[in-house]
Amino acid sequence: MIDPKIEVAYQAALEAFSKYNSFDATVLTGDFGDVFLSDEDFLTKVDALDEVFDNNPQVEVLREVFFDLLMINFFSADVKKLEEDYLDTPEWEDIEEQTLDRGTELLNLLLYLNECEDEDIEPELEDYLKEFLLVDEDEFQDEYRIYEPIIANQILMESPVEEIANIANSLPEDSELAELFYPVMCFFQNVDPSPEAKAVIAEHALEAEFDMAVLEILVNFQ
């Protein structure tokens, strides 16, 4: 099964990647669709996803964000075929353990966007940080550490995208948000950008094929 939002999001990501890269990633639309649509168990689908990337190293940069999409699709669509309490079973705990080092912080943001849809509210950075990630709470200091670059630069919501790019360029390479900072901040600044606004974001992007692919995932997932 595939969540319709996931289908639109991954296709938009491939189109955006192709626009800013010499490789036409849209030829992989069917391959990725087969993975998402598969009725296999989650780990088998992860292996199938990795096989597509192993066979197409030109799109390697998208591997972990597509893992996030696969995980969200599991929560949204695949889990409906399983027992009601499946996510509390030892089997799922084992899967979580085996995939602990996979994916990115995009997963949290996609979960937040699902919550925004459920509650019929507009995504906002402050709401994401304080109400969803609970970065102000003592027991969530891991989230505070990870999101500190965003927490410290919320003023960028009122700044031109080139200033977001400047800060993104200054982040340490080992920051868990180094790659995602620019597209995530651009998204929260304008959750429904016009084609003209997207062109400006692409112009100042650090890695346009990745940044615009992530942006399109977020814009189309709402």
Protein backbone atom coordinates (compact mmCIF):
# COMPACT_ATOMS: atom_id res chain seq x y z
CA MET A 1 0.00 0.00 0.00
CA ILE A 2 1.04 3.58 -0.51
CA ASP A 3 -0.22 6.75 1.14
CA PRO A 4 -1.32 9.15 -1.65
CA LYS A 5 0.70 11.97 -0.04
CA ILE A 6 3.83 9.79 -0.15
CA GLU A 7 3.25 9.02 -3.81
CA VAL A 8 2.97 12.70 -4.71
CA ALA A 9 5.94 13.63 -2.48
CA TYR A 10 8.46 11.12 -3.81
CA GLN A 11 7.52 11.84 -7.42
CA ALA A 12 7.91 15.59 -6.82
CA ALA A 13 11.30 14.93 -5.21
CA LEU A 14 12.51 12.98 -8.24
CA GLU A 15 11.32 15.72 -10.57
CA ALA A 16 13.05 18.42 -8.52
CA PHE A 17 16.27 16.42 -8.34
CA SER A 18 16.21 15.96 -12.12
CA LYS A 19 15.70 19.67 -12.72
CA TYR A 20 18.99 20.52 -11.03
CA ASN A 21 21.04 17.44 -11.95
CA SER A 22 22.15 15.95 -15.25
CA PHE A 23 20.63 12.59 -14.25
CA ASP A 24 16.94 12.13 -15.02
CA ALA A 25 15.79 10.58 -11.75
CA THR A 26 12.20 10.42 -12.95
CA VAL A 27 13.09 7.20 -14.81
CA LEU A 28 13.17 5.61 -11.34
CA THR A 29 9.59 6.59 -10.51
CA GLY A 30 8.32 3.07 -11.22
CA ASP A 31 11.15 1.39 -9.32
CA PHE A 32 10.46 3.40 -6.19
CA GLY A 33 6.72 2.96 -6.68
CA ASP A 34 7.19 -0.80 -6.66
CA VAL A 35 9.00 -0.54 -3.32
CA PHE A 36 6.33 1.61 -1.67
CA LEU A 37 3.49 -0.50 -3.07
CA SER A 38 5.03 -3.82 -2.07
CA ASP A 39 3.18 -6.03 0.40
CA GLU A 40 6.45 -7.33 1.85
CA ASP A 41 7.45 -6.73 5.47
CA PHE A 42 9.19 -3.48 6.35
CA LEU A 43 12.79 -4.73 6.41
CA THR A 44 12.33 -6.44 3.06
CA LYS A 45 11.06 -3.14 1.67
CA VAL A 46 14.12 -1.38 3.12
CA ASP A 47 16.35 -3.86 1.30
CA ALA A 48 14.41 -3.23 -1.92
CA LEU A 49 14.77 0.53 -1.46
CA ASP A 50 18.50 0.19 -0.89
CA GLU A 51 18.81 -1.95 -4.01
CA VAL A 52 17.34 0.85 -6.13
CA PHE A 53 19.90 3.27 -4.71
CA ASP A 54 22.75 0.76 -5.01
CA ASN A 55 21.90 0.36 -8.69
CA ASN A 56 21.57 4.12 -9.23
CA PRO A 57 24.37 5.90 -7.34
CA GLN A 58 23.50 9.15 -9.13
CA VAL A 59 20.66 9.64 -6.61
CA GLU A 60 22.57 8.43 -3.53
CA VAL A 61 22.00 11.76 -1.79
CA LEU A 62 18.28 10.96 -1.55
CA ARG A 63 18.71 7.54 0.08
CA GLU A 64 18.05 8.48 3.70
CA VAL A 65 15.22 10.93 3.05
CA PHE A 66 13.52 8.25 0.96
CA PHE A 67 13.99 5.90 3.92
CA ASP A 68 12.07 8.51 5.94
CA LEU A 69 9.30 8.41 3.35
CA LEU A 70 9.25 4.61 3.51
CA MET A 71 8.92 4.76 7.29
CA ILE A 72 6.11 7.33 7.13
CA ASN A 73 4.36 5.22 4.52
CA PHE A 74 4.60 2.24 6.87
CA PHE A 75 2.98 4.25 9.67
CA SER A 76 0.30 5.67 7.37
CA ALA A 77 -0.56 2.74 5.10
CA ASP A 78 1.20 -0.56 5.76
CA VAL A 79 0.44 -0.73 9.48
CA LYS A 80 -3.30 -0.82 8.70
CA LYS A 81 -2.82 -4.41 7.51
CA LEU A 82 -1.22 -5.47 10.81
CA GLU A 83 -2.40 -5.99 14.37
CA GLU A 84 -3.71 -2.89 16.11
CA ASP A 85 -0.87 -2.88 18.65
CA TYR A 86 1.86 -3.89 16.18
CA LEU A 87 4.02 -0.84 16.97
CA ASP A 88 4.20 -2.03 20.60
CA THR A 89 5.35 -5.57 19.76
CA PRO A 90 8.86 -7.02 20.22
CA GLU A 91 8.95 -7.54 16.45
CA TRP A 92 8.65 -3.80 15.81
CA GLU A 93 11.13 -3.01 18.58
CA ASP A 94 13.60 -5.28 16.80
CA ILE A 95 12.99 -3.46 13.51
CA GLU A 96 13.56 -0.11 15.22
CA GLU A 97 16.81 -1.43 16.67
CA GLN A 98 18.00 -2.67 13.27
CA THR A 99 17.23 0.66 11.59
CA LEU A 100 18.44 2.92 14.39
CA ASP A 101 21.12 4.51 12.22
CA ARG A 102 18.84 5.07 9.22
CA GLY A 103 16.92 8.11 8.10
CA THR A 104 17.10 11.78 9.01
CA GLU A 105 15.29 14.39 11.06
CA LEU A 106 12.94 14.77 8.10
CA LEU A 107 10.95 11.91 9.64
CA ASN A 108 9.99 14.05 12.64
CA LEU A 109 8.94 16.89 10.39
CA LEU A 110 6.74 14.61 8.28
CA LEU A 111 5.10 13.27 11.43
CA TYR A 112 4.48 16.88 12.47
CA LEU A 113 2.89 17.70 9.11
CA ASN A 114 0.57 14.72 9.55
CA GLU A 115 -0.41 16.12 12.94
CA CYS A 116 -1.00 19.57 11.42
CA GLU A 117 -3.35 17.98 8.90
CA ASP A 118 -5.19 16.06 11.62
CA GLU A 119 -5.63 19.21 13.71
CA ASP A 120 -6.24 21.50 10.72
CA ILE A 121 -3.47 23.94 11.63
CA GLU A 122 -0.83 25.72 9.55
CA PRO A 123 2.73 24.41 10.04
CA GLU A 124 4.84 26.92 11.98
CA LEU A 125 8.42 26.66 13.13
CA GLU A 126 7.79 27.73 16.73
CA ASP A 127 4.92 25.27 17.03
CA TYR A 128 7.09 22.49 15.60
CA LEU A 129 9.91 23.18 18.05
CA LYS A 130 7.94 23.85 21.23
CA GLU A 131 4.70 21.91 20.87
CA PHE A 132 5.80 18.91 18.79
CA LEU A 133 9.49 18.38 19.62
CA LEU A 134 9.10 19.89 23.14
CA VAL A 135 12.62 21.33 22.99
CA ASP A 136 11.93 23.48 26.08
CA GLU A 137 11.22 20.44 28.25
CA ASP A 138 14.06 19.05 30.37
CA GLU A 139 13.45 15.46 29.28
CA PHE A 140 13.84 16.37 25.62
CA GLN A 141 17.32 17.82 25.68
CA ASP A 142 18.52 15.49 22.91
CA GLU A 143 16.05 17.22 20.61
CA TYR A 144 17.26 20.60 21.86
CA ARG A 145 20.87 19.66 21.04
CA ILE A 146 19.98 18.44 17.56
CA TYR A 147 17.79 21.42 16.74
CA GLU A 148 19.96 24.08 18.38
CA PRO A 149 21.03 25.56 14.98
CA ILE A 150 17.36 26.10 14.11
CA ILE A 151 16.39 27.24 17.62
CA ALA A 152 19.18 29.84 17.58
CA ASN A 153 18.24 31.13 14.13
CA GLN A 154 14.47 31.46 14.25
CA ILE A 155 14.90 35.11 13.33
CA LEU A 156 15.69 33.88 9.82
CA MET A 157 11.96 33.44 9.30
CA GLU A 158 11.96 37.19 8.61
CA SER A 159 15.13 37.17 6.47
CA PRO A 160 15.89 36.70 2.76
CA VAL A 161 16.70 33.12 1.77
CA GLU A 162 20.31 34.10 1.02
CA GLU A 163 20.76 34.73 4.76
CA ILE A 164 19.40 31.24 5.48
CA ALA A 165 21.97 29.93 3.00
CA ASN A 166 24.75 31.86 4.73
CA ILE A 167 23.94 30.27 8.08
CA ALA A 168 23.55 26.84 6.48
CA ASN A 169 27.01 27.20 4.96
CA SER A 170 28.47 27.99 8.38
CA LEU A 171 27.13 24.89 10.17
CA PRO A 172 29.64 22.20 11.18
CA GLU A 173 29.64 19.23 8.81
CA ASP A 174 28.90 16.88 11.70
CA SER A 175 25.72 18.74 12.64
CA GLU A 176 22.74 16.39 12.32
CA LEU A 177 20.87 19.20 10.59
CA ALA A 178 23.66 20.37 8.29
CA GLU A 179 22.02 19.04 5.12
CA LEU A 180 18.42 19.75 6.10
CA PHE A 181 18.82 23.21 7.61
CA TYR A 182 18.37 25.16 4.37
CA PRO A 183 15.34 23.36 2.88
CA VAL A 184 13.61 23.05 6.27
CA MET A 185 14.04 26.73 7.13
CA CYS A 186 12.95 27.76 3.64
CA PHE A 187 9.87 25.59 4.00
CA PHE A 188 8.83 27.07 7.32
CA GLN A 189 9.40 30.56 5.96
CA ASN A 190 6.98 29.83 3.09
CA VAL A 191 5.01 26.58 3.31
CA ASP A 192 3.35 27.16 -0.06
CA PRO A 193 5.99 28.83 -2.25
CA SER A 194 5.16 30.09 -5.72
CA PRO A 195 7.26 28.97 -8.71
CA GLU A 196 9.05 32.32 -8.46
CA ALA A 197 9.83 31.79 -4.77
CA LYS A 198 11.11 28.27 -5.51
CA ALA A 199 13.41 29.71 -8.17
CA VAL A 200 14.93 32.07 -5.60
CA ILE A 201 15.36 29.21 -3.11
CA ALA A 202 17.06 27.10 -5.79
CA GLU A 203 19.33 30.01 -6.74
CA HIS A 204 20.76 30.20 -3.22
CA ALA A 205 20.67 26.47 -2.43
CA LEU A 206 23.80 24.73 -1.20
CA GLU A 207 23.05 21.57 -3.20
CA ALA A 208 20.09 22.43 -5.40
CA GLU A 209 19.19 18.87 -6.42
CA PHE A 210 18.98 17.77 -2.77
CA ASP A 211 17.60 20.96 -1.24
CA MET A 212 14.83 21.31 -3.80
CA ALA A 213 13.96 17.60 -3.59
CA VAL A 214 13.51 17.93 0.19
CA LEU A 215 11.54 21.15 -0.20
CA GLU A 216 9.21 19.48 -2.70
CA ILE A 217 8.68 16.55 -0.34
CA LEU A 218 7.59 18.94 2.40
CA VAL A 219 5.44 21.16 0.18
CA ASN A 220 3.67 18.20 -1.41
CA PHE A 221 3.24 16.20 1.78
CA GLN A 222 0.92 18.72 3.41
